[in-house]
Amino acid sequence: MAQGKMKSIFKFVRFAVVALFVLECCSAVFAQGEKTDLSGNKDTFRAGFTGAGAGGSKTAAEKPGGADGLGNPLLGGQRHPLYRLQPSDVVEIDFVVAPEFNQTLTVQPDGYVMLKDAGMVQVQGLNMEEFSGAVEKAYRGYLHEPQVAVSLKDFERPYFIVGGEVGKPGKYELRSDTTVAEAVEIAGGLTQQSKHSQVVLFRRVNDDLMEAHLINLKKMLRERSLQEDAHLRPGDLVFVPQNSISKIARFVGKPSLSMYMNSTQF
């Protein structure tokens, strides 16, 4: 009798232990599911942000190294492109582990710089990141894994030119975001003889070719709508004619600019 009672107690205890074990397993699975869900929600929430720290360490810029400007709806391209080296620019190169190669150089008129012991390297048109890569590549034959820091010490200030029927034709520094209408005002405003329905914006394509864009400044000012007003880039030339221009080619060679303007106006 006593032995049967002990067996019953033993079965009950074993059942209780098994039930408790199963309950703990279920709780663990449920907790893991909650943790995964919360983690997923957190990632989804952070995904709505951009910038440093947004979305964890896996988040990267959509266009690394890109400029911060917006596309110009009238002329296309970036409003604030990265600066690219030009002749007469002064650059400084510092080597992390080989300071004896540190140097300050001026970009020559042909677009080259003479690197110490590494020879001539063409740098015109490169931004600073590309210039750093070109210097490191040039020194790989002299240094093991060269690491350099480059900086722009001096450069030609960005400028634009306004000519034709304006109060003060000339060359002006491009100090901030400036449109064609603003450039005309900076240059003294329109004269009474101006044909400002046919303002021409000349933009350099290369050293020998300019791209021409016709802008109806008169219409924009009359309608008080400057949404299509073009934003200037360094080196742009704005010309306000006195007479109607019957035909203008989209691309104009620099020698042909005299067809549209009198060089003495500058």
C-alpha atoms as a PDB file:
ATOM      1  CA  MET A   1       0.000   0.000   0.000  1.00  0.00           C
ATOM      2  CA  ALA A   2       2.737   2.410   1.000  1.00  0.00           C
ATOM      3  CA  GLN A   3       4.793   1.398  -2.048  1.00  0.00           C
ATOM      4  CA  GLY A   4       1.866   2.207  -4.393  1.00  0.00           C
ATOM      5  CA  LYS A   5       1.457   5.599  -2.746  1.00  0.00           C
ATOM      6  CA  MET A   6       5.147   6.384  -3.246  1.00  0.00           C
ATOM      7  CA  LYS A   7       4.888   5.495  -6.941  1.00  0.00           C
ATOM      8  CA  SER A   8       1.952   7.878  -7.330  1.00  0.00           C
ATOM      9  CA  ILE A   9       3.890  10.706  -5.671  1.00  0.00           C
ATOM     10  CA  PHE A  10       6.921   9.993  -7.869  1.00  0.00           C
ATOM     11  CA  LYS A  11       4.784  10.126 -11.051  1.00  0.00           C
ATOM     12  CA  PHE A  12       3.228  13.402  -9.945  1.00  0.00           C
ATOM     13  CA  VAL A  13       6.613  14.984  -9.243  1.00  0.00           C
ATOM     14  CA  ARG A  14       7.982  13.812 -12.608  1.00  0.00           C
ATOM     15  CA  PHE A  15       4.934  15.228 -14.387  1.00  0.00           C
ATOM     16  CA  ALA A  16       5.341  18.551 -12.597  1.00  0.00           C
ATOM     17  CA  VAL A  17       9.018  18.760 -13.543  1.00  0.00           C
ATOM     18  CA  VAL A  18       8.277  18.029 -17.210  1.00  0.00           C
ATOM     19  CA  ALA A  19       5.458  20.583 -17.251  1.00  0.00           C
ATOM     20  CA  LEU A  20       7.673  23.247 -15.696  1.00  0.00           C
ATOM     21  CA  PHE A  21      10.425  22.540 -18.263  1.00  0.00           C
ATOM     22  CA  VAL A  22       7.972  22.862 -21.171  1.00  0.00           C
ATOM     23  CA  LEU A  23       6.614  26.116 -19.740  1.00  0.00           C
ATOM     24  CA  GLU A  24      10.103  27.618 -19.476  1.00  0.00           C
ATOM     25  CA  CYS A  25      10.875  26.662 -23.094  1.00  0.00           C
ATOM     26  CA  CYS A  26       7.705  28.306 -24.345  1.00  0.00           C
ATOM     27  CA  SER A  27       8.497  31.467 -22.381  1.00  0.00           C
ATOM     28  CA  ALA A  28      11.990  31.620 -23.874  1.00  0.00           C
ATOM     29  CA  VAL A  29      10.667  31.240 -27.426  1.00  0.00           C
ATOM     30  CA  PHE A  30       8.076  33.951 -26.859  1.00  0.00           C
ATOM     31  CA  ALA A  31      10.676  36.319 -25.392  1.00  0.00           C
ATOM     32  CA  GLN A  32      12.997  35.734 -28.361  1.00  0.00           C
ATOM     33  CA  GLY A  33      10.155  36.555 -30.750  1.00  0.00           C
ATOM     34  CA  GLU A  34       9.411  39.768 -28.866  1.00  0.00           C
ATOM     35  CA  LYS A  35      13.069  40.777 -29.003  1.00  0.00           C
ATOM     36  CA  THR A  36      13.270  40.181 -32.754  1.00  0.00           C
ATOM     37  CA  ASP A  37      10.106  42.166 -33.350  1.00  0.00           C
ATOM     38  CA  LEU A  38      11.278  45.064 -31.247  1.00  0.00           C
ATOM     39  CA  SER A  39      14.620  45.074 -33.041  1.00  0.00           C
ATOM     40  CA  GLY A  40      12.868  45.098 -36.388  1.00  0.00           C
ATOM     41  CA  ASN A  41      10.674  47.999 -35.331  1.00  0.00           C
ATOM     42  CA  LYS A  42      13.706  49.900 -34.162  1.00  0.00           C
ATOM     43  CA  ASP A  43      15.476  49.466 -37.498  1.00  0.00           C
ATOM     44  CA  THR A  44      12.334  50.498 -39.365  1.00  0.00           C
ATOM     45  CA  PHE A  45      12.036  53.636 -37.235  1.00  0.00           C
ATOM     46  CA  ARG A  46      15.661  54.615 -37.717  1.00  0.00           C
ATOM     47  CA  ALA A  47      15.454  54.027 -41.460  1.00  0.00           C
ATOM     48  CA  GLY A  48      13.441  57.234 -41.798  1.00  0.00           C
ATOM     49  CA  PHE A  49      16.468  59.328 -40.899  1.00  0.00           C
ATOM     50  CA  THR A  50      19.608  60.274 -42.817  1.00  0.00           C
ATOM     51  CA  GLY A  51      22.978  61.515 -41.700  1.00  0.00           C
ATOM     52  CA  ALA A  52      25.566  60.391 -39.187  1.00  0.00           C
ATOM     53  CA  GLY A  53      24.336  57.585 -36.975  1.00  0.00           C
ATOM     54  CA  ALA A  54      21.073  57.080 -38.838  1.00  0.00           C
ATOM     55  CA  GLY A  55      20.198  53.415 -39.257  1.00  0.00           C
ATOM     56  CA  GLY A  56      23.282  52.203 -37.379  1.00  0.00           C
ATOM     57  CA  SER A  57      26.739  51.675 -38.765  1.00  0.00           C
ATOM     58  CA  LYS A  58      25.386  50.036 -41.923  1.00  0.00           C
ATOM     59  CA  THR A  59      23.887  53.276 -43.203  1.00  0.00           C
ATOM     60  CA  ALA A  60      25.936  54.924 -45.964  1.00  0.00           C
ATOM     61  CA  ALA A  61      25.488  58.062 -48.025  1.00  0.00           C
ATOM     62  CA  GLU A  62      23.513  57.498 -51.211  1.00  0.00           C
ATOM     63  CA  LYS A  63      26.154  59.279 -53.278  1.00  0.00           C
ATOM     64  CA  PRO A  64      29.418  59.265 -51.313  1.00  0.00           C
ATOM     65  CA  GLY A  65      31.686  62.109 -52.302  1.00  0.00           C
ATOM     66  CA  GLY A  66      28.936  63.950 -54.120  1.00  0.00           C
ATOM     67  CA  ALA A  67      28.413  67.644 -53.997  1.00  0.00           C
ATOM     68  CA  ASP A  68      25.838  69.285 -51.826  1.00  0.00           C
ATOM     69  CA  GLY A  69      24.126  71.219 -54.619  1.00  0.00           C
ATOM     70  CA  LEU A  70      20.773  70.685 -56.251  1.00  0.00           C
ATOM     71  CA  GLY A  71      20.213  70.133 -59.942  1.00  0.00           C
ATOM     72  CA  ASN A  72      19.520  73.265 -61.943  1.00  0.00           C
ATOM     73  CA  PRO A  73      16.209  72.697 -63.779  1.00  0.00           C
ATOM     74  CA  LEU A  74      17.157  75.135 -66.573  1.00  0.00           C
ATOM     75  CA  LEU A  75      20.782  74.343 -67.274  1.00  0.00           C
ATOM     76  CA  GLY A  76      21.176  70.935 -65.649  1.00  0.00           C
ATOM     77  CA  GLY A  77      24.043  69.752 -63.500  1.00  0.00           C
ATOM     78  CA  GLN A  78      24.881  70.535 -59.913  1.00  0.00           C
ATOM     79  CA  ARG A  79      24.453  73.958 -58.402  1.00  0.00           C
ATOM     80  CA  HIS A  80      27.433  73.589 -56.053  1.00  0.00           C
ATOM     81  CA  PRO A  81      29.931  71.233 -57.698  1.00  0.00           C
ATOM     82  CA  LEU A  82      33.119  70.186 -55.927  1.00  0.00           C
ATOM     83  CA  TYR A  83      36.061  72.473 -56.596  1.00  0.00           C
ATOM     84  CA  ARG A  84      38.470  71.195 -59.241  1.00  0.00           C
ATOM     85  CA  LEU A  85      42.068  72.249 -59.570  1.00  0.00           C
ATOM     86  CA  GLN A  86      43.004  74.915 -62.097  1.00  0.00           C
ATOM     87  CA  PRO A  87      46.322  76.440 -63.220  1.00  0.00           C
ATOM     88  CA  SER A  88      47.884  78.777 -60.623  1.00  0.00           C
ATOM     89  CA  ASP A  89      46.208  76.956 -57.728  1.00  0.00           C
ATOM     90  CA  VAL A  90      48.567  76.303 -54.807  1.00  0.00           C
ATOM     91  CA  VAL A  91      48.320  72.911 -53.081  1.00  0.00           C
ATOM     92  CA  GLU A  92      50.048  71.523 -50.021  1.00  0.00           C
ATOM     93  CA  ILE A  93      50.965  67.844 -49.648  1.00  0.00           C
ATOM     94  CA  ASP A  94      51.805  66.296 -46.263  1.00  0.00           C
ATOM     95  CA  PHE A  95      52.984  62.691 -45.927  1.00  0.00           C
ATOM     96  CA  VAL A  96      51.912  60.877 -42.779  1.00  0.00           C
ATOM     97  CA  VAL A  97      55.024  58.732 -42.306  1.00  0.00           C
ATOM     98  CA  ALA A  98      57.499  60.423 -44.673  1.00  0.00           C
ATOM     99  CA  PRO A  99      57.585  64.152 -43.873  1.00  0.00           C
ATOM    100  CA  GLU A 100      60.725  64.590 -45.988  1.00  0.00           C
ATOM    101  CA  PHE A 101      58.396  64.419 -49.013  1.00  0.00           C
ATOM    102  CA  ASN A 102      56.137  67.231 -47.771  1.00  0.00           C
ATOM    103  CA  GLN A 103      55.839  69.974 -50.376  1.00  0.00           C
ATOM    104  CA  THR A 104      53.854  72.994 -51.551  1.00  0.00           C
ATOM    105  CA  LEU A 105      53.228  73.167 -55.287  1.00  0.00           C
ATOM    106  CA  THR A 106      51.646  75.486 -57.843  1.00  0.00           C
ATOM    107  CA  VAL A 107      49.614  74.005 -60.686  1.00  0.00           C
ATOM    108  CA  GLN A 108      51.395  74.968 -63.877  1.00  0.00           C
ATOM    109  CA  PRO A 109      49.647  76.582 -66.886  1.00  0.00           C
ATOM    110  CA  ASP A 110      49.617  73.181 -68.628  1.00  0.00           C
ATOM    111  CA  GLY A 111      47.761  71.609 -65.664  1.00  0.00           C
ATOM    112  CA  TYR A 112      50.721  69.628 -64.271  1.00  0.00           C
ATOM    113  CA  VAL A 113      52.605  69.692 -60.954  1.00  0.00           C
ATOM    114  CA  MET A 114      56.188  68.542 -60.419  1.00  0.00           C
ATOM    115  CA  LEU A 115      56.243  66.102 -57.493  1.00  0.00           C
ATOM    116  CA  LYS A 116      59.496  65.718 -55.613  1.00  0.00           C
ATOM    117  CA  ASP A 117      61.266  62.578 -56.948  1.00  0.00           C
ATOM    118  CA  ALA A 118      58.042  61.345 -58.587  1.00  0.00           C
ATOM    119  CA  GLY A 119      57.981  63.605 -61.625  1.00  0.00           C
ATOM    120  CA  MET A 120      55.175  65.331 -63.477  1.00  0.00           C
ATOM    121  CA  VAL A 121      51.539  64.538 -62.708  1.00  0.00           C
ATOM    122  CA  GLN A 122      48.545  66.086 -64.470  1.00  0.00           C
ATOM    123  CA  VAL A 123      46.106  67.415 -61.876  1.00  0.00           C
ATOM    124  CA  GLN A 124      43.996  70.032 -63.666  1.00  0.00           C
ATOM    125  CA  GLY A 125      40.320  69.133 -63.366  1.00  0.00           C
ATOM    126  CA  LEU A 126      40.772  66.886 -60.327  1.00  0.00           C
ATOM    127  CA  ASN A 127      38.932  67.504 -57.058  1.00  0.00           C
ATOM    128  CA  MET A 128      40.953  67.245 -53.850  1.00  0.00           C
ATOM    129  CA  GLU A 129      40.051  63.605 -53.195  1.00  0.00           C
ATOM    130  CA  GLU A 130      41.109  62.649 -56.712  1.00  0.00           C
ATOM    131  CA  PHE A 131      44.285  64.705 -56.355  1.00  0.00           C
ATOM    132  CA  SER A 132      45.162  62.835 -53.146  1.00  0.00           C
ATOM    133  CA  GLY A 133      44.724  59.519 -54.953  1.00  0.00           C
ATOM    134  CA  ALA A 134      46.922  60.679 -57.846  1.00  0.00           C
ATOM    135  CA  VAL A 135      49.727  61.666 -55.465  1.00  0.00           C
ATOM    136  CA  GLU A 136      49.564  58.352 -53.589  1.00  0.00           C
ATOM    137  CA  LYS A 137      49.674  56.467 -56.891  1.00  0.00           C
ATOM    138  CA  ALA A 138      52.704  58.460 -58.054  1.00  0.00           C
ATOM    139  CA  TYR A 139      54.677  57.610 -54.900  1.00  0.00           C
ATOM    140  CA  ARG A 140      53.925  53.892 -54.726  1.00  0.00           C
ATOM    141  CA  GLY A 141      57.230  53.211 -56.438  1.00  0.00           C
ATOM    142  CA  TYR A 142      59.083  55.141 -53.726  1.00  0.00           C
ATOM    143  CA  LEU A 143      57.106  54.552 -50.541  1.00  0.00           C
ATOM    144  CA  HIS A 144      55.316  51.538 -49.117  1.00  0.00           C
ATOM    145  CA  GLU A 145      51.591  52.336 -48.953  1.00  0.00           C
ATOM    146  CA  PRO A 146      52.021  56.139 -49.041  1.00  0.00           C
ATOM    147  CA  GLN A 147      49.398  58.098 -47.138  1.00  0.00           C
ATOM    148  CA  VAL A 148      49.022  61.803 -47.831  1.00  0.00           C
ATOM    149  CA  ALA A 149      46.914  64.713 -46.666  1.00  0.00           C
ATOM    150  CA  VAL A 150      46.321  67.404 -49.280  1.00  0.00           C
ATOM    151  CA  SER A 151      44.935  70.910 -48.886  1.00  0.00           C
ATOM    152  CA  LEU A 152      44.187  73.830 -51.155  1.00  0.00           C
ATOM    153  CA  LYS A 153      46.239  76.818 -49.989  1.00  0.00           C
ATOM    154  CA  ASP A 154      45.399  79.357 -52.683  1.00  0.00           C
ATOM    155  CA  PHE A 155      43.156  79.431 -55.727  1.00  0.00           C
ATOM    156  CA  GLU A 156      41.585  81.762 -58.237  1.00  0.00           C
ATOM    157  CA  ARG A 157      38.432  83.157 -56.721  1.00  0.00           C
ATOM    158  CA  PRO A 158      35.273  82.049 -58.549  1.00  0.00           C
ATOM    159  CA  TYR A 159      33.989  84.788 -60.823  1.00  0.00           C
ATOM    160  CA  PHE A 160      31.396  85.651 -63.446  1.00  0.00           C
ATOM    161  CA  ILE A 161      31.365  88.263 -66.203  1.00  0.00           C
ATOM    162  CA  VAL A 162      28.484  90.511 -67.226  1.00  0.00           C
ATOM    163  CA  GLY A 163      28.673  92.435 -70.488  1.00  0.00           C
ATOM    164  CA  GLY A 164      26.491  94.354 -72.889  1.00  0.00           C
ATOM    165  CA  GLU A 165      23.706  96.728 -71.916  1.00  0.00           C
ATOM    166  CA  VAL A 166      24.227  96.905 -68.145  1.00  0.00           C
ATOM    167  CA  GLY A 167      25.307  99.811 -65.990  1.00  0.00           C
ATOM    168  CA  LYS A 168      28.739  98.434 -65.006  1.00  0.00           C
ATOM    169  CA  PRO A 169      29.974  95.671 -67.309  1.00  0.00           C
ATOM    170  CA  GLY A 170      32.855  93.725 -65.852  1.00  0.00           C
ATOM    171  CA  LYS A 171      34.199  90.775 -63.904  1.00  0.00           C
ATOM    172  CA  TYR A 172      32.725  90.016 -60.461  1.00  0.00           C
ATOM    173  CA  GLU A 173      33.512  87.527 -57.724  1.00  0.00           C
ATOM    174  CA  LEU A 174      31.007  84.718 -57.350  1.00  0.00           C
ATOM    175  CA  ARG A 175      30.780  84.780 -53.564  1.00  0.00           C
ATOM    176  CA  SER A 176      27.454  83.026 -53.092  1.00  0.00           C
ATOM    177  CA  ASP A 177      24.594  81.411 -54.967  1.00  0.00           C
ATOM    178  CA  THR A 178      23.802  83.954 -57.702  1.00  0.00           C
ATOM    179  CA  THR A 179      21.277  83.881 -60.540  1.00  0.00           C
ATOM    180  CA  VAL A 180      21.362  85.646 -63.908  1.00  0.00           C
ATOM    181  CA  ALA A 181      18.858  88.280 -62.731  1.00  0.00           C
ATOM    182  CA  GLU A 182      20.946  88.929 -59.625  1.00  0.00           C
ATOM    183  CA  ALA A 183      24.122  89.143 -61.702  1.00  0.00           C
ATOM    184  CA  VAL A 184      22.544  91.840 -63.900  1.00  0.00           C
ATOM    185  CA  GLU A 185      21.644  93.850 -60.789  1.00  0.00           C
ATOM    186  CA  ILE A 186      25.159  93.440 -59.373  1.00  0.00           C
ATOM    187  CA  ALA A 187      26.484  94.811 -62.672  1.00  0.00           C
ATOM    188  CA  GLY A 188      24.468  98.014 -62.348  1.00  0.00           C
ATOM    189  CA  GLY A 189      21.138  96.891 -63.779  1.00  0.00           C
ATOM    190  CA  LEU A 190      19.771  97.129 -67.305  1.00  0.00           C
ATOM    191  CA  THR A 191      20.183 100.138 -69.547  1.00  0.00           C
ATOM    192  CA  GLN A 192      17.323 101.652 -71.540  1.00  0.00           C
ATOM    193  CA  GLN A 193      18.762 100.148 -74.720  1.00  0.00           C
ATOM    194  CA  SER A 194      18.836  96.604 -73.388  1.00  0.00           C
ATOM    195  CA  LYS A 195      17.091  93.772 -75.183  1.00  0.00           C
ATOM    196  CA  HIS A 196      16.570  91.789 -71.969  1.00  0.00           C
ATOM    197  CA  SER A 197      14.153  89.375 -73.581  1.00  0.00           C
ATOM    198  CA  GLN A 198      17.222  87.747 -75.150  1.00  0.00           C
ATOM    199  CA  VAL A 199      19.847  87.616 -72.426  1.00  0.00           C
ATOM    200  CA  VAL A 200      22.516  85.073 -73.303  1.00  0.00           C
ATOM    201  CA  LEU A 201      24.304  82.932 -70.727  1.00  0.00           C
ATOM    202  CA  PHE A 202      27.578  81.524 -72.028  1.00  0.00           C
ATOM    203  CA  ARG A 203      28.938  78.547 -70.093  1.00  0.00           C
ATOM    204  CA  ARG A 204      32.330  76.989 -70.691  1.00  0.00           C
ATOM    205  CA  VAL A 205      32.330  73.405 -71.956  1.00  0.00           C
ATOM    206  CA  ASN A 206      36.104  73.223 -72.384  1.00  0.00           C
ATOM    207  CA  ASP A 207      38.974  75.606 -73.083  1.00  0.00           C
ATOM    208  CA  ASP A 208      37.779  76.299 -76.648  1.00  0.00           C
ATOM    209  CA  LEU A 209      34.001  75.857 -76.549  1.00  0.00           C
ATOM    210  CA  MET A 210      31.125  77.699 -74.871  1.00  0.00           C
ATOM    211  CA  GLU A 211      27.511  76.586 -74.532  1.00  0.00           C
ATOM    212  CA  ALA A 212      24.902  79.311 -75.052  1.00  0.00           C
ATOM    213  CA  HIS A 213      21.532  79.516 -73.255  1.00  0.00           C
ATOM    214  CA  LEU A 214      18.913  82.107 -74.166  1.00  0.00           C
ATOM    215  CA  ILE A 215      17.002  83.563 -71.197  1.00  0.00           C
ATOM    216  CA  ASN A 216      13.913  85.760 -71.402  1.00  0.00           C
ATOM    217  CA  LEU A 217      14.664  87.951 -68.422  1.00  0.00           C
ATOM    218  CA  LYS A 218      12.004  90.463 -69.452  1.00  0.00           C
ATOM    219  CA  LYS A 219       9.247  87.861 -69.205  1.00  0.00           C
ATOM    220  CA  MET A 220      10.476  86.553 -65.852  1.00  0.00           C
ATOM    221  CA  LEU A 221      10.556  90.046 -64.355  1.00  0.00           C
ATOM    222  CA  ARG A 222       7.163  90.998 -65.814  1.00  0.00           C
ATOM    223  CA  GLU A 223       5.506  87.862 -64.460  1.00  0.00           C
ATOM    224  CA  ARG A 224       7.491  88.044 -61.213  1.00  0.00           C
ATOM    225  CA  SER A 225       8.393  84.408 -61.655  1.00  0.00           C
ATOM    226  CA  LEU A 226      12.058  83.574 -61.224  1.00  0.00           C
ATOM    227  CA  GLN A 227      11.687  79.811 -60.940  1.00  0.00           C
ATOM    228  CA  GLU A 228      13.475  79.345 -64.258  1.00  0.00           C
ATOM    229  CA  ASP A 229      16.191  81.872 -63.470  1.00  0.00           C
ATOM    230  CA  ALA A 230      19.539  80.185 -64.099  1.00  0.00           C
ATOM    231  CA  HIS A 231      22.072  79.827 -61.288  1.00  0.00           C
ATOM    232  CA  LEU A 232      25.575  80.855 -62.227  1.00  0.00           C
ATOM    233  CA  ARG A 233      28.678  78.706 -62.143  1.00  0.00           C
ATOM    234  CA  PRO A 234      32.265  79.963 -61.914  1.00  0.00           C
ATOM    235  CA  GLY A 235      33.416  81.378 -65.255  1.00  0.00           C
ATOM    236  CA  ASP A 236      29.912  82.043 -66.635  1.00  0.00           C
ATOM    237  CA  LEU A 237      29.441  85.013 -68.948  1.00  0.00           C
ATOM    238  CA  VAL A 238      26.121  86.899 -69.035  1.00  0.00           C
ATOM    239  CA  PHE A 239      25.544  89.097 -72.082  1.00  0.00           C
ATOM    240  CA  VAL A 240      22.653  91.559 -72.434  1.00  0.00           C
ATOM    241  CA  PRO A 241      22.344  92.603 -76.108  1.00  0.00           C
ATOM    242  CA  GLN A 242      21.158  95.916 -77.472  1.00  0.00           C
ATOM    243  CA  ASN A 243      19.452  94.443 -80.528  1.00  0.00           C
ATOM    244  CA  SER A 244      17.560  91.258 -81.219  1.00  0.00           C
ATOM    245  CA  ILE A 245      19.691  88.215 -81.914  1.00  0.00           C
ATOM    246  CA  SER A 246      18.192  86.458 -84.933  1.00  0.00           C
ATOM    247  CA  LYS A 247      20.036  83.201 -84.410  1.00  0.00           C
ATOM    248  CA  ILE A 248      22.432  81.818 -81.876  1.00  0.00           C
ATOM    249  CA  ALA A 249      24.125  78.452 -82.012  1.00  0.00           C
ATOM    250  CA  ARG A 250      23.943  76.196 -78.989  1.00  0.00           C
ATOM    251  CA  PHE A 251      27.737  75.783 -78.957  1.00  0.00           C
ATOM    252  CA  VAL A 252      30.029  78.673 -79.759  1.00  0.00           C
ATOM    253  CA  GLY A 253      33.794  78.753 -80.098  1.00  0.00           C
ATOM    254  CA  LYS A 254      35.504  81.382 -77.994  1.00  0.00           C
ATOM    255  CA  PRO A 255      36.755  83.292 -81.077  1.00  0.00           C
ATOM    256  CA  SER A 256      33.147  83.533 -82.279  1.00  0.00           C
ATOM    257  CA  LEU A 257      31.945  85.358 -79.176  1.00  0.00           C
ATOM    258  CA  SER A 258      32.787  88.624 -80.916  1.00  0.00           C
ATOM    259  CA  MET A 259      29.740  87.989 -83.125  1.00  0.00           C
ATOM    260  CA  TYR A 260      27.501  88.594 -80.132  1.00  0.00           C
ATOM    261  CA  MET A 261      29.337  91.205 -78.128  1.00  0.00           C
ATOM    262  CA  ASN A 262      31.847  93.985 -78.329  1.00  0.00           C
ATOM    263  CA  SER A 263      34.925  93.064 -76.322  1.00  0.00           C
ATOM    264  CA  THR A 264      35.508  96.734 -75.444  1.00  0.00           C
ATOM    265  CA  GLN A 265      32.414  96.619 -73.228  1.00  0.00           C
ATOM    266  CA  PHE A 266      34.371  94.709 -70.611  1.00  0.00           C
END
